[in-house]
PDB file of all heavy atoms in Angstrom:
ATOM      1  N   ALA A   1       0.810  -1.177   0.000  1.00  0.00           N
ATOM      2  CA  ALA A   1       0.055  -0.009  -0.025  1.00  0.00           C
ATOM      3  C   ALA A   1       0.853   1.249   0.016  1.00  0.00           C
ATOM      4  O   ALA A   1       1.875   1.283   0.659  1.00  0.00           O
ATOM      5  CB  ALA A   1      -0.886   0.053   1.283  1.00  0.00           C
ATOM      6  N   PRO A   2       0.473   2.243  -0.776  1.00  0.00           N
ATOM      7  CA  PRO A   2       1.282   3.539  -0.709  1.00  0.00           C
ATOM      8  C   PRO A   2       1.172   4.176   0.671  1.00  0.00           C
ATOM      9  O   PRO A   2       0.207   4.123   1.385  1.00  0.00           O
ATOM     10  CB  PRO A   2       0.543   4.438  -1.761  1.00  0.00           C
ATOM     11  CG  PRO A   2      -0.853   3.787  -1.925  1.00  0.00           C
ATOM     12  CD  PRO A   2      -0.696   2.379  -1.580  1.00  0.00           C
ATOM     13  N   ASP A   3       2.297   4.950   0.884  1.00  0.00           N
ATOM     14  CA  ASP A   3       2.351   5.640   2.231  1.00  0.00           C
ATOM     15  C   ASP A   3       1.269   6.806   2.251  1.00  0.00           C
ATOM     16  O   ASP A   3       0.971   7.326   1.203  1.00  0.00           O
ATOM     17  CB  ASP A   3       3.591   6.284   2.496  1.00  0.00           C
ATOM     18  CG  ASP A   3       4.756   5.198   2.705  1.00  0.00           C
ATOM     19  OD1 ASP A   3       4.394   4.100   3.212  1.00  0.00           O
ATOM     20  OD2 ASP A   3       5.913   5.461   2.367  1.00  0.00           O
ATOM     21  N   ALA A   4       0.698   6.934   3.371  1.00  0.00           N
ATOM     22  CA  ALA A   4      -0.194   8.177   3.478  1.00  0.00           C
ATOM     23  C   ALA A   4       0.574   9.417   3.489  1.00  0.00           C
ATOM     24  O   ALA A   4       1.708   9.414   3.848  1.00  0.00           O
ATOM     25  CB  ALA A   4      -1.063   8.004   4.747  1.00  0.00           C
ATOM     26  N   PRO A   5       0.000  10.518   2.980  1.00  0.00           N
ATOM     27  CA  PRO A   5       0.674  11.760   2.914  1.00  0.00           C
ATOM     28  C   PRO A   5       1.015  12.297   4.291  1.00  0.00           C
ATOM     29  O   PRO A   5       0.292  12.134   5.271  1.00  0.00           O
ATOM     30  CB  PRO A   5      -0.240  12.733   2.164  1.00  0.00           C
ATOM     31  CG  PRO A   5      -1.576  12.104   2.391  1.00  0.00           C
ATOM     32  CD  PRO A   5      -1.381  10.615   2.459  1.00  0.00           C
ATOM     33  N   LEU A   6       2.176  13.002   4.440  1.00  0.00           N
ATOM     34  CA  LEU A   6       2.584  13.540   5.602  1.00  0.00           C
ATOM     35  C   LEU A   6       1.952  14.910   5.768  1.00  0.00           C
ATOM     36  O   LEU A   6       1.436  15.499   4.869  1.00  0.00           O
ATOM     37  CB  LEU A   6       4.183  13.689   5.691  1.00  0.00           C
ATOM     38  CG  LEU A   6       4.839  12.362   5.395  1.00  0.00           C
ATOM     39  CD1 LEU A   6       6.383  12.670   5.451  1.00  0.00           C
ATOM     40  CD2 LEU A   6       4.528  11.389   6.401  1.00  0.00           C
ATOM     41  N   PRO A   7       1.914  15.512   7.032  1.00  0.00           N
ATOM     42  CA  PRO A   7       1.446  16.837   7.166  1.00  0.00           C
ATOM     43  C   PRO A   7       2.224  17.746   6.287  1.00  0.00           C
ATOM     44  O   PRO A   7       3.385  17.668   6.121  1.00  0.00           O
ATOM     45  CB  PRO A   7       1.664  17.112   8.651  1.00  0.00           C
ATOM     46  CG  PRO A   7       1.772  15.778   9.285  1.00  0.00           C
ATOM     47  CD  PRO A   7       2.387  14.854   8.278  1.00  0.00           C
ATOM     48  N   GLU A   8       1.548  18.755   5.793  1.00  0.00           N
ATOM     49  CA  GLU A   8       2.209  19.807   4.955  1.00  0.00           C
ATOM     50  C   GLU A   8       3.087  20.626   5.902  1.00  0.00           C
ATOM     51  O   GLU A   8       2.702  21.026   6.998  1.00  0.00           O
ATOM     52  CB  GLU A   8       1.213  20.665   4.206  1.00  0.00           C
ATOM     53  CG  GLU A   8       0.443  19.841   3.198  1.00  0.00           C
ATOM     54  CD  GLU A   8      -0.691  20.704   2.614  1.00  0.00           C
ATOM     55  OE1 GLU A   8      -0.631  22.045   2.728  1.00  0.00           O
ATOM     56  OE2 GLU A   8      -1.569  20.138   1.868  1.00  0.00           O
ATOM     57  N   GLN A   9       4.282  20.938   5.347  1.00  0.00           N
ATOM     58  CA  GLN A   9       5.162  21.877   6.071  1.00  0.00           C
ATOM     59  C   GLN A   9       4.774  23.346   5.728  1.00  0.00           C
ATOM     60  O   GLN A   9       4.806  23.835   4.638  1.00  0.00           O
ATOM     61  CB  GLN A   9       6.570  21.692   5.496  1.00  0.00           C
ATOM     62  CG  GLN A   9       7.102  20.263   5.764  1.00  0.00           C
ATOM     63  CD  GLN A   9       7.177  19.942   7.388  1.00  0.00           C
ATOM     64  OE1 GLN A   9       7.728  20.687   8.051  1.00  0.00           O
ATOM     65  NE2 GLN A   9       6.585  18.769   7.598  1.00  0.00           N
ATOM     66  N   LYS A  10       4.218  23.936   6.709  1.00  0.00           N
ATOM     67  CA  LYS A  10       3.631  25.346   6.615  1.00  0.00           C
ATOM     68  C   LYS A  10       4.261  26.284   7.642  1.00  0.00           C
ATOM     69  O   LYS A  10       4.765  25.768   8.711  1.00  0.00           O
ATOM     70  CB  LYS A  10       2.156  25.251   6.808  1.00  0.00           C
ATOM     71  CG  LYS A  10       1.336  24.313   5.945  1.00  0.00           C
ATOM     72  CD  LYS A  10      -0.167  24.435   6.246  1.00  0.00           C
ATOM     73  CE  LYS A  10      -0.897  23.500   5.460  1.00  0.00           C
ATOM     74  NZ  LYS A  10      -2.380  23.478   5.753  1.00  0.00           N
ATOM     75  N   ASP A  11       4.214  27.537   7.286  1.00  0.00           N
ATOM     76  CA  ASP A  11       4.531  28.468   8.260  1.00  0.00           C
ATOM     77  C   ASP A  11       3.483  28.474   9.325  1.00  0.00           C
ATOM     78  O   ASP A  11       2.313  28.102   9.084  1.00  0.00           O
ATOM     79  CB  ASP A  11       4.730  29.858   7.681  1.00  0.00           C
ATOM     80  CG  ASP A  11       5.878  29.907   6.662  1.00  0.00           C
ATOM     81  OD1 ASP A  11       6.797  29.136   6.849  1.00  0.00           O
ATOM     82  OD2 ASP A  11       5.711  30.709   5.723  1.00  0.00           O
ATOM     83  N   ALA A  12       3.810  28.834  10.481  1.00  0.00           N
ATOM     84  CA  ALA A  12       2.748  28.976  11.499  1.00  0.00           C
ATOM     85  C   ALA A  12       1.577  29.852  11.177  1.00  0.00           C
ATOM     86  O   ALA A  12       1.793  30.918  10.557  1.00  0.00           O
ATOM     87  CB  ALA A  12       3.352  29.622  12.852  1.00  0.00           C
ATOM     88  N   ILE A  13       0.445  29.393  11.226  1.00  0.00           N
ATOM     89  CA  ILE A  13      -0.726  30.098  10.847  1.00  0.00           C
ATOM     90  C   ILE A  13      -1.261  31.095  11.947  1.00  0.00           C
ATOM     91  O   ILE A  13      -1.382  30.702  13.039  1.00  0.00           O
ATOM     92  CB  ILE A  13      -1.957  29.097  10.569  1.00  0.00           C
ATOM     93  CG1 ILE A  13      -1.513  28.174   9.383  1.00  0.00           C
ATOM     94  CG2 ILE A  13      -3.150  29.833  10.172  1.00  0.00           C
ATOM     95  CD1 ILE A  13      -2.517  27.089   9.057  1.00  0.00           C
ATOM     96  N   GLN A  14      -1.314  32.400  11.448  1.00  0.00           N
ATOM     97  CA  GLN A  14      -1.803  33.353  12.327  1.00  0.00           C
ATOM     98  C   GLN A  14      -3.274  33.476  12.242  1.00  0.00           C
ATOM     99  O   GLN A  14      -3.893  33.905  11.189  1.00  0.00           O
ATOM    100  CB  GLN A  14      -1.121  34.692  11.975  1.00  0.00           C
ATOM    101  CG  GLN A  14      -1.420  35.806  12.999  1.00  0.00           C
ATOM    102  CD  GLN A  14      -0.758  35.687  14.312  1.00  0.00           C
ATOM    103  OE1 GLN A  14       0.376  35.176  14.415  1.00  0.00           O
ATOM    104  NE2 GLN A  14      -1.364  36.002  15.374  1.00  0.00           N
ATOM    105  N   LEU A  15      -4.055  33.076  13.299  1.00  0.00           N
ATOM    106  CA  LEU A  15      -5.507  33.164  13.258  1.00  0.00           C
ATOM    107  C   LEU A  15      -5.990  34.600  13.244  1.00  0.00           C
ATOM    108  O   LEU A  15      -5.422  35.483  13.878  1.00  0.00           O
ATOM    109  CB  LEU A  15      -6.131  32.446  14.389  1.00  0.00           C
ATOM    110  CG  LEU A  15      -5.876  30.895  14.483  1.00  0.00           C
ATOM    111  CD1 LEU A  15      -6.495  30.326  15.852  1.00  0.00           C
ATOM    112  CD2 LEU A  15      -6.370  30.303  13.309  1.00  0.00           C
ATOM    113  N   LEU A  16      -7.113  34.919  12.477  1.00  0.00           N
ATOM    114  CA  LEU A  16      -7.676  36.103  12.511  1.00  0.00           C
ATOM    115  C   LEU A  16      -8.545  36.394  13.688  1.00  0.00           C
ATOM    116  O   LEU A  16      -8.916  35.400  14.281  1.00  0.00           O
ATOM    117  CB  LEU A  16      -8.487  36.227  11.214  1.00  0.00           C
ATOM    118  CG  LEU A  16      -7.838  36.135   9.763  1.00  0.00           C
ATOM    119  CD1 LEU A  16      -8.764  36.203   8.724  1.00  0.00           C
ATOM    120  CD2 LEU A  16      -6.871  37.347   9.658  1.00  0.00           C
ATOM    121  N   PRO A  17      -8.811  37.624  14.070  1.00  0.00           N
ATOM    122  CA  PRO A  17      -9.612  37.738  15.260  1.00  0.00           C
ATOM    123  C   PRO A  17     -10.949  37.173  15.034  1.00  0.00           C
ATOM    124  O   PRO A  17     -11.628  37.333  14.042  1.00  0.00           O
ATOM    125  CB  PRO A  17      -9.740  39.399  15.300  1.00  0.00           C
ATOM    126  CG  PRO A  17      -8.471  39.801  14.582  1.00  0.00           C
ATOM    127  CD  PRO A  17      -8.156  38.901  13.573  1.00  0.00           C
ATOM    128  N   GLY A  18     -11.424  36.379  16.083  1.00  0.00           N
ATOM    129  CA  GLY A  18     -12.717  35.725  16.007  1.00  0.00           C
ATOM    130  C   GLY A  18     -12.681  34.321  15.521  1.00  0.00           C
ATOM    131  O   GLY A  18     -13.567  33.540  15.645  1.00  0.00           O
ATOM    132  N   GLU A  19     -11.566  33.920  14.830  1.00  0.00           N
ATOM    133  CA  GLU A  19     -11.472  32.506  14.366  1.00  0.00           C
ATOM    134  C   GLU A  19     -11.409  31.484  15.559  1.00  0.00           C
ATOM    135  O   GLU A  19     -10.853  31.751  16.552  1.00  0.00           O
ATOM    136  CB  GLU A  19     -10.232  32.339  13.537  1.00  0.00           C
ATOM    137  CG  GLU A  19     -10.361  32.722  12.033  1.00  0.00           C
ATOM    138  CD  GLU A  19      -9.149  32.125  11.207  1.00  0.00           C
ATOM    139  OE1 GLU A  19      -8.158  32.883  11.070  1.00  0.00           O
ATOM    140  OE2 GLU A  19      -9.231  31.040  10.729  1.00  0.00           O
ATOM    141  N   PRO A  20     -12.011  30.353  15.335  1.00  0.00           N
ATOM    142  CA  PRO A  20     -11.894  29.301  16.373  1.00  0.00           C
ATOM    143  C   PRO A  20     -10.433  28.983  16.541  1.00  0.00           C
ATOM    144  O   PRO A  20      -9.660  28.946  15.560  1.00  0.00           O
ATOM    145  CB  PRO A  20     -12.684  28.087  15.745  1.00  0.00           C
ATOM    146  CG  PRO A  20     -13.569  28.679  14.766  1.00  0.00           C
ATOM    147  CD  PRO A  20     -12.826  29.875  14.193  1.00  0.00           C
ATOM    148  N   GLU A  21     -10.009  28.609  17.766  1.00  0.00           N
ATOM    149  CA  GLU A  21      -8.710  28.198  17.994  1.00  0.00           C
ATOM    150  C   GLU A  21      -8.548  26.666  17.827  1.00  0.00           C
ATOM    151  O   GLU A  21      -9.554  25.979  17.732  1.00  0.00           O
ATOM    152  CB  GLU A  21      -8.334  28.584  19.460  1.00  0.00           C
ATOM    153  CG  GLU A  21      -8.264  30.062  19.718  1.00  0.00           C
ATOM    154  CD  GLU A  21      -7.905  30.339  21.198  1.00  0.00           C
ATOM    155  OE1 GLU A  21      -7.716  29.439  21.894  1.00  0.00           O
ATOM    156  OE2 GLU A  21      -7.662  31.551  21.477  1.00  0.00           O
ATOM    157  N   GLU A  22      -7.322  26.290  17.644  1.00  0.00           N
ATOM    158  CA  GLU A  22      -7.089  24.810  17.668  1.00  0.00           C
ATOM    159  C   GLU A  22      -7.501  24.144  18.888  1.00  0.00           C
ATOM    160  O   GLU A  22      -7.374  24.749  20.034  1.00  0.00           O
ATOM    161  CB  GLU A  22      -5.594  24.439  17.432  1.00  0.00           C
ATOM    162  CG  GLU A  22      -5.082  24.741  15.998  1.00  0.00           C
ATOM    163  CD  GLU A  22      -5.639  23.772  15.070  1.00  0.00           C
ATOM    164  OE1 GLU A  22      -6.131  22.622  15.454  1.00  0.00           O
ATOM    165  OE2 GLU A  22      -5.587  24.042  13.796  1.00  0.00           O
ATOM    166  N   PRO A  23      -8.133  22.992  18.800  1.00  0.00           N
ATOM    167  CA  PRO A  23      -8.705  22.295  20.077  1.00  0.00           C
ATOM    168  C   PRO A  23      -7.496  21.924  20.963  1.00  0.00           C
ATOM    169  O   PRO A  23      -6.436  21.658  20.536  1.00  0.00           O
ATOM    170  CB  PRO A  23      -9.396  21.080  19.498  1.00  0.00           C
ATOM    171  CG  PRO A  23      -8.754  20.738  18.113  1.00  0.00           C
ATOM    172  CD  PRO A  23      -8.333  22.125  17.626  1.00  0.00           C
ATOM    173  N   ALA A  24      -7.836  21.951  22.236  1.00  0.00           N
ATOM    174  CA  ALA A  24      -6.754  21.677  23.283  1.00  0.00           C
ATOM    175  C   ALA A  24      -6.446  20.190  23.213  1.00  0.00           C
ATOM    176  O   ALA A  24      -7.257  19.319  22.980  1.00  0.00           O
ATOM    177  CB  ALA A  24      -7.420  21.981  24.657  1.00  0.00           C
ATOM    178  N   SER A  25      -5.162  19.950  23.419  1.00  0.00           N
ATOM    179  CA  SER A  25      -4.691  18.561  23.414  1.00  0.00           C
ATOM    180  C   SER A  25      -5.402  17.738  24.598  1.00  0.00           C
ATOM    181  O   SER A  25      -5.518  18.253  25.700  1.00  0.00           O
ATOM    182  CB  SER A  25      -3.082  18.566  23.738  1.00  0.00           C
ATOM    183  OG  SER A  25      -2.686  17.240  23.845  1.00  0.00           O
ATOM    184  N   GLY A  26      -5.823  16.570  24.212  1.00  0.00           N
ATOM    185  CA  GLY A  26      -6.543  15.842  25.190  1.00  0.00           C
ATOM    186  C   GLY A  26      -8.018  15.899  25.191  1.00  0.00           C
ATOM    187  O   GLY A  26      -8.681  15.096  25.641  1.00  0.00           O
ATOM    188  N   SER A  27      -8.495  16.859  24.340  1.00  0.00           N
ATOM    189  CA  SER A  27      -9.939  17.062  24.216  1.00  0.00           C
ATOM    190  C   SER A  27     -10.480  16.320  23.034  1.00  0.00           C
ATOM    191  O   SER A  27     -11.731  16.250  22.824  1.00  0.00           O
ATOM    192  CB  SER A  27     -10.224  18.545  24.065  1.00  0.00           C
ATOM    193  OG  SER A  27      -9.820  19.057  22.816  1.00  0.00           O
ATOM    194  N   TRP A  28      -9.658  15.723  22.222  1.00  0.00           N
ATOM    195  CA  TRP A  28     -10.119  15.067  20.957  1.00  0.00           C
ATOM    196  C   TRP A  28      -9.061  14.031  20.568  1.00  0.00           C
ATOM    197  O   TRP A  28      -8.019  13.983  21.137  1.00  0.00           O
ATOM    198  CB  TRP A  28     -10.283  16.065  19.857  1.00  0.00           C
ATOM    199  CG  TRP A  28      -8.913  16.730  19.440  1.00  0.00           C
ATOM    200  CD1 TRP A  28      -8.242  17.672  20.050  1.00  0.00           C
ATOM    201  CD2 TRP A  28      -8.119  16.333  18.348  1.00  0.00           C
ATOM    202  NE1 TRP A  28      -7.043  17.914  19.429  1.00  0.00           N
ATOM    203  CE2 TRP A  28      -6.954  17.085  18.393  1.00  0.00           C
ATOM    204  CE3 TRP A  28      -8.294  15.291  17.294  1.00  0.00           C
ATOM    205  CZ2 TRP A  28      -5.965  16.945  17.397  1.00  0.00           C
ATOM    206  CZ3 TRP A  28      -7.178  15.124  16.362  1.00  0.00           C
ATOM    207  CH2 TRP A  28      -6.094  15.981  16.438  1.00  0.00           C
ATOM    208  N   GLY A  29      -9.467  13.191  19.705  1.00  0.00           N
ATOM    209  CA  GLY A  29      -8.511  12.177  19.172  1.00  0.00           C
ATOM    210  C   GLY A  29      -8.923  10.771  19.411  1.00  0.00           C
ATOM    211  O   GLY A  29     -10.047  10.397  19.789  1.00  0.00           O
ATOM    212  N   TYR A  30      -8.015   9.891  19.073  1.00  0.00           N
ATOM    213  CA  TYR A  30      -8.226   8.393  19.170  1.00  0.00           C
ATOM    214  C   TYR A  30      -7.863   7.870  20.537  1.00  0.00           C
ATOM    215  O   TYR A  30      -6.736   8.077  20.999  1.00  0.00           O
ATOM    216  CB  TYR A  30      -7.449   7.755  17.997  1.00  0.00           C
ATOM    217  CG  TYR A  30      -7.638   6.271  18.033  1.00  0.00           C
ATOM    218  CD1 TYR A  30      -8.807   5.674  17.553  1.00  0.00           C
ATOM    219  CD2 TYR A  30      -6.636   5.403  18.383  1.00  0.00           C
ATOM    220  CE1 TYR A  30      -9.104   4.374  17.461  1.00  0.00           C
ATOM    221  CE2 TYR A  30      -6.757   3.992  18.354  1.00  0.00           C
ATOM    222  CZ  TYR A  30      -8.007   3.519  17.891  1.00  0.00           C
ATOM    223  OH  TYR A  30      -8.157   2.153  17.862  1.00  0.00           O
ATOM    224  N   ASP A  31      -8.684   7.103  21.067  1.00  0.00           N
ATOM    225  CA  ASP A  31      -8.557   6.397  22.336  1.00  0.00           C
ATOM    226  C   ASP A  31      -8.260   4.943  22.075  1.00  0.00           C
ATOM    227  O   ASP A  31      -9.063   4.254  21.675  1.00  0.00           O
ATOM    228  CB  ASP A  31      -9.864   6.528  23.280  1.00  0.00           C
ATOM    229  CG  ASP A  31      -9.560   6.074  24.705  1.00  0.00           C
ATOM    230  OD1 ASP A  31      -8.635   5.172  24.777  1.00  0.00           O
ATOM    231  OD2 ASP A  31     -10.204   6.549  25.582  1.00  0.00           O
ATOM    232  N   PRO A  32      -6.984   4.562  22.230  1.00  0.00           N
ATOM    233  CA  PRO A  32      -6.588   3.173  21.914  1.00  0.00           C
ATOM    234  C   PRO A  32      -7.348   2.194  22.796  1.00  0.00           C
ATOM    235  O   PRO A  32      -7.365   0.944  22.415  1.00  0.00           O
ATOM    236  CB  PRO A  32      -5.130   3.188  22.042  1.00  0.00           C
ATOM    237  CG  PRO A  32      -4.796   4.201  22.891  1.00  0.00           C
ATOM    238  CD  PRO A  32      -5.843   5.324  22.674  1.00  0.00           C
ATOM    239  N   LYS A  33      -7.785   2.521  23.992  1.00  0.00           N
ATOM    240  CA  LYS A  33      -8.433   1.646  24.871  1.00  0.00           C
ATOM    241  C   LYS A  33      -9.772   1.209  24.371  1.00  0.00           C
ATOM    242  O   LYS A  33     -10.299   0.061  24.519  1.00  0.00           O
ATOM    243  CB  LYS A  33      -8.565   2.247  26.288  1.00  0.00           C
ATOM    244  CG  LYS A  33      -7.212   2.323  26.945  1.00  0.00           C
ATOM    245  CD  LYS A  33      -7.408   2.904  28.420  1.00  0.00           C
ATOM    246  CE  LYS A  33      -6.114   2.880  29.120  1.00  0.00           C
ATOM    247  NZ  LYS A  33      -6.255   3.391  30.471  1.00  0.00           N
ATOM    248  N   THR A  34     -10.526   2.263  23.830  1.00  0.00           N
ATOM    249  CA  THR A  34     -11.934   1.964  23.350  1.00  0.00           C
ATOM    250  C   THR A  34     -11.989   1.828  21.845  1.00  0.00           C
ATOM    251  O   THR A  34     -13.059   1.338  21.348  1.00  0.00           O
ATOM    252  CB  THR A  34     -12.786   3.175  23.763  1.00  0.00           C
ATOM    253  OG1 THR A  34     -12.405   4.361  23.082  1.00  0.00           O
ATOM    254  CG2 THR A  34     -12.738   3.436  25.232  1.00  0.00           C
ATOM    255  N   GLY A  35     -10.971   2.287  21.121  1.00  0.00           N
ATOM    256  CA  GLY A  35     -11.038   2.191  19.682  1.00  0.00           C
ATOM    257  C   GLY A  35     -12.003   3.258  19.120  1.00  0.00           C
ATOM    258  O   GLY A  35     -12.337   3.141  17.983  1.00  0.00           O
ATOM    259  N   ILE A  36     -12.207   4.238  19.783  1.00  0.00           N
ATOM    260  CA  ILE A  36     -13.248   5.365  19.384  1.00  0.00           C
ATOM    261  C   ILE A  36     -12.441   6.593  19.272  1.00  0.00           C
ATOM    262  O   ILE A  36     -11.594   6.963  20.034  1.00  0.00           O
ATOM    263  CB  ILE A  36     -14.322   5.432  20.381  1.00  0.00           C
ATOM    264  CG1 ILE A  36     -15.206   4.156  20.458  1.00  0.00           C
ATOM    265  CG2 ILE A  36     -15.251   6.575  19.935  1.00  0.00           C
ATOM    266  CD1 ILE A  36     -16.244   4.056  21.506  1.00  0.00           C
ATOM    267  N   PHE A  37     -12.903   7.315  18.101  1.00  0.00           N
ATOM    268  CA  PHE A  37     -12.375   8.646  17.908  1.00  0.00           C
ATOM    269  C   PHE A  37     -13.348   9.660  18.407  1.00  0.00           C
ATOM    270  O   PHE A  37     -14.472   9.695  18.147  1.00  0.00           O
ATOM    271  CB  PHE A  37     -12.017   8.860  16.453  1.00  0.00           C
ATOM    272  CG  PHE A  37     -11.394  10.213  16.075  1.00  0.00           C
ATOM    273  CD1 PHE A  37     -10.099  10.383  16.026  1.00  0.00           C
ATOM    274  CD2 PHE A  37     -12.128  11.311  15.801  1.00  0.00           C
ATOM    275  CE1 PHE A  37      -9.521  11.565  15.745  1.00  0.00           C
ATOM    276  CE2 PHE A  37     -11.632  12.488  15.496  1.00  0.00           C
ATOM    277  CZ  PHE A  37     -10.315  12.687  15.510  1.00  0.00           C
ATOM    278  N   THR A  38     -12.753  10.664  19.110  1.00  0.00           N
ATOM    279  CA  THR A  38     -13.607  11.821  19.603  1.00  0.00           C
ATOM    280  C   THR A  38     -13.242  13.066  18.748  1.00  0.00           C
ATOM    281  O   THR A  38     -12.109  13.427  18.704  1.00  0.00           O
ATOM    282  CB  THR A  38     -13.388  12.228  21.054  1.00  0.00           C
ATOM    283  OG1 THR A  38     -13.738  10.999  21.880  1.00  0.00           O
ATOM    284  CG2 THR A  38     -14.125  13.393  21.529  1.00  0.00           C
ATOM    285  N   HIS A  39     -14.263  13.668  18.106  1.00  0.00           N
ATOM    286  CA  HIS A  39     -14.096  14.732  17.233  1.00  0.00           C
ATOM    287  C   HIS A  39     -13.829  15.986  18.046  1.00  0.00           C
ATOM    288  O   HIS A  39     -14.364  16.114  19.159  1.00  0.00           O
ATOM    289  CB  HIS A  39     -15.233  14.942  16.327  1.00  0.00           C
ATOM    290  CG  HIS A  39     -15.434  13.953  15.212  1.00  0.00           C
ATOM    291  ND1 HIS A  39     -15.059  14.206  13.888  1.00  0.00           N
ATOM    292  CD2 HIS A  39     -15.832  12.759  15.259  1.00  0.00           C
ATOM    293  CE1 HIS A  39     -15.301  13.111  13.155  1.00  0.00           C
ATOM    294  NE2 HIS A  39     -15.811  12.229  13.983  1.00  0.00           N
ATOM    295  N   PRO A  40     -12.988  16.966  17.492  1.00  0.00           N
ATOM    296  CA  PRO A  40     -12.998  18.299  18.139  1.00  0.00           C
ATOM    297  C   PRO A  40     -14.366  18.952  18.153  1.00  0.00           C
ATOM    298  O   PRO A  40     -15.200  18.696  17.260  1.00  0.00           O
ATOM    299  CB  PRO A  40     -11.984  19.051  17.327  1.00  0.00           C
ATOM    300  CG  PRO A  40     -11.322  18.003  16.382  1.00  0.00           C
ATOM    301  CD  PRO A  40     -12.254  16.907  16.313  1.00  0.00           C
ATOM    302  N   THR A  41     -14.605  19.816  19.103  1.00  0.00           N
ATOM    303  CA  THR A  41     -15.824  20.496  19.169  1.00  0.00           C
ATOM    304  C   THR A  41     -15.867  21.680  18.242  1.00  0.00           C
ATOM    305  O   THR A  41     -16.882  22.155  17.747  1.00  0.00           O
ATOM    306  CB  THR A  41     -16.131  20.989  20.661  1.00  0.00           C
ATOM    307  OG1 THR A  41     -15.019  21.857  21.078  1.00  0.00           O
ATOM    308  CG2 THR A  41     -16.380  19.842  21.560  1.00  0.00           C
ATOM    309  N   SER A  42     -14.651  22.222  17.922  1.00  0.00           N
ATOM    310  CA  SER A  42     -14.586  23.300  16.897  1.00  0.00           C
ATOM    311  C   SER A  42     -13.029  23.296  16.452  1.00  0.00           C
ATOM    312  O   SER A  42     -12.185  23.047  17.227  1.00  0.00           O
ATOM    313  CB  SER A  42     -15.034  24.636  17.386  1.00  0.00           C
ATOM    314  OG  SER A  42     -14.162  25.107  18.417  1.00  0.00           O
ATOM    315  N   THR A  43     -12.865  23.834  15.261  1.00  0.00           N
ATOM    316  CA  THR A  43     -11.532  23.993  14.747  1.00  0.00           C
ATOM    317  C   THR A  43     -11.450  25.205  13.747  1.00  0.00           C
ATOM    318  O   THR A  43     -12.573  25.516  13.212  1.00  0.00           O
ATOM    319  CB  THR A  43     -10.988  22.762  13.955  1.00  0.00           C
ATOM    320  OG1 THR A  43     -11.919  22.536  12.852  1.00  0.00           O
ATOM    321  CG2 THR A  43     -10.883  21.478  14.829  1.00  0.00           C
ATOM    322  N   PRO A  44     -10.338  25.813  13.593  1.00  0.00           N
ATOM    323  CA  PRO A  44     -10.206  26.754  12.577  1.00  0.00           C
ATOM    324  C   PRO A  44     -10.277  26.126  11.124  1.00  0.00           C
ATOM    325  O   PRO A  44     -10.083  24.940  11.069  1.00  0.00           O
ATOM    326  CB  PRO A  44      -8.905  27.465  12.783  1.00  0.00           C
ATOM    327  CG  PRO A  44      -8.140  26.394  13.544  1.00  0.00           C
ATOM    328  CD  PRO A  44      -9.067  25.579  14.314  1.00  0.00           C
ATOM    329  N   ASP A  45     -10.454  26.904  10.195  1.00  0.00           N
ATOM    330  CA  ASP A  45     -10.466  26.371   8.819  1.00  0.00           C
ATOM    331  C   ASP A  45      -8.982  25.795   8.553  1.00  0.00           C
ATOM    332  O   ASP A  45      -8.083  26.329   8.913  1.00  0.00           O
ATOM    333  CB  ASP A  45     -10.723  27.629   7.786  1.00  0.00           C
ATOM    334  CG  ASP A  45     -10.685  27.124   6.366  1.00  0.00           C
ATOM    335  OD1 ASP A  45     -11.230  26.040   6.082  1.00  0.00           O
ATOM    336  OD2 ASP A  45     -10.166  27.833   5.524  1.00  0.00           O
TER     337      ASP A  45
END
């Protein structure tokens, strides 16, 4: 199988006033104990 693409190398994104912030670490993601993914409650574009 082909490798999945890596994250794009980008300059740090400066959010505009009012934009949603990146979700806090630990508030979303994959739980290996349950096998369930929890979606972020909000994210920037």
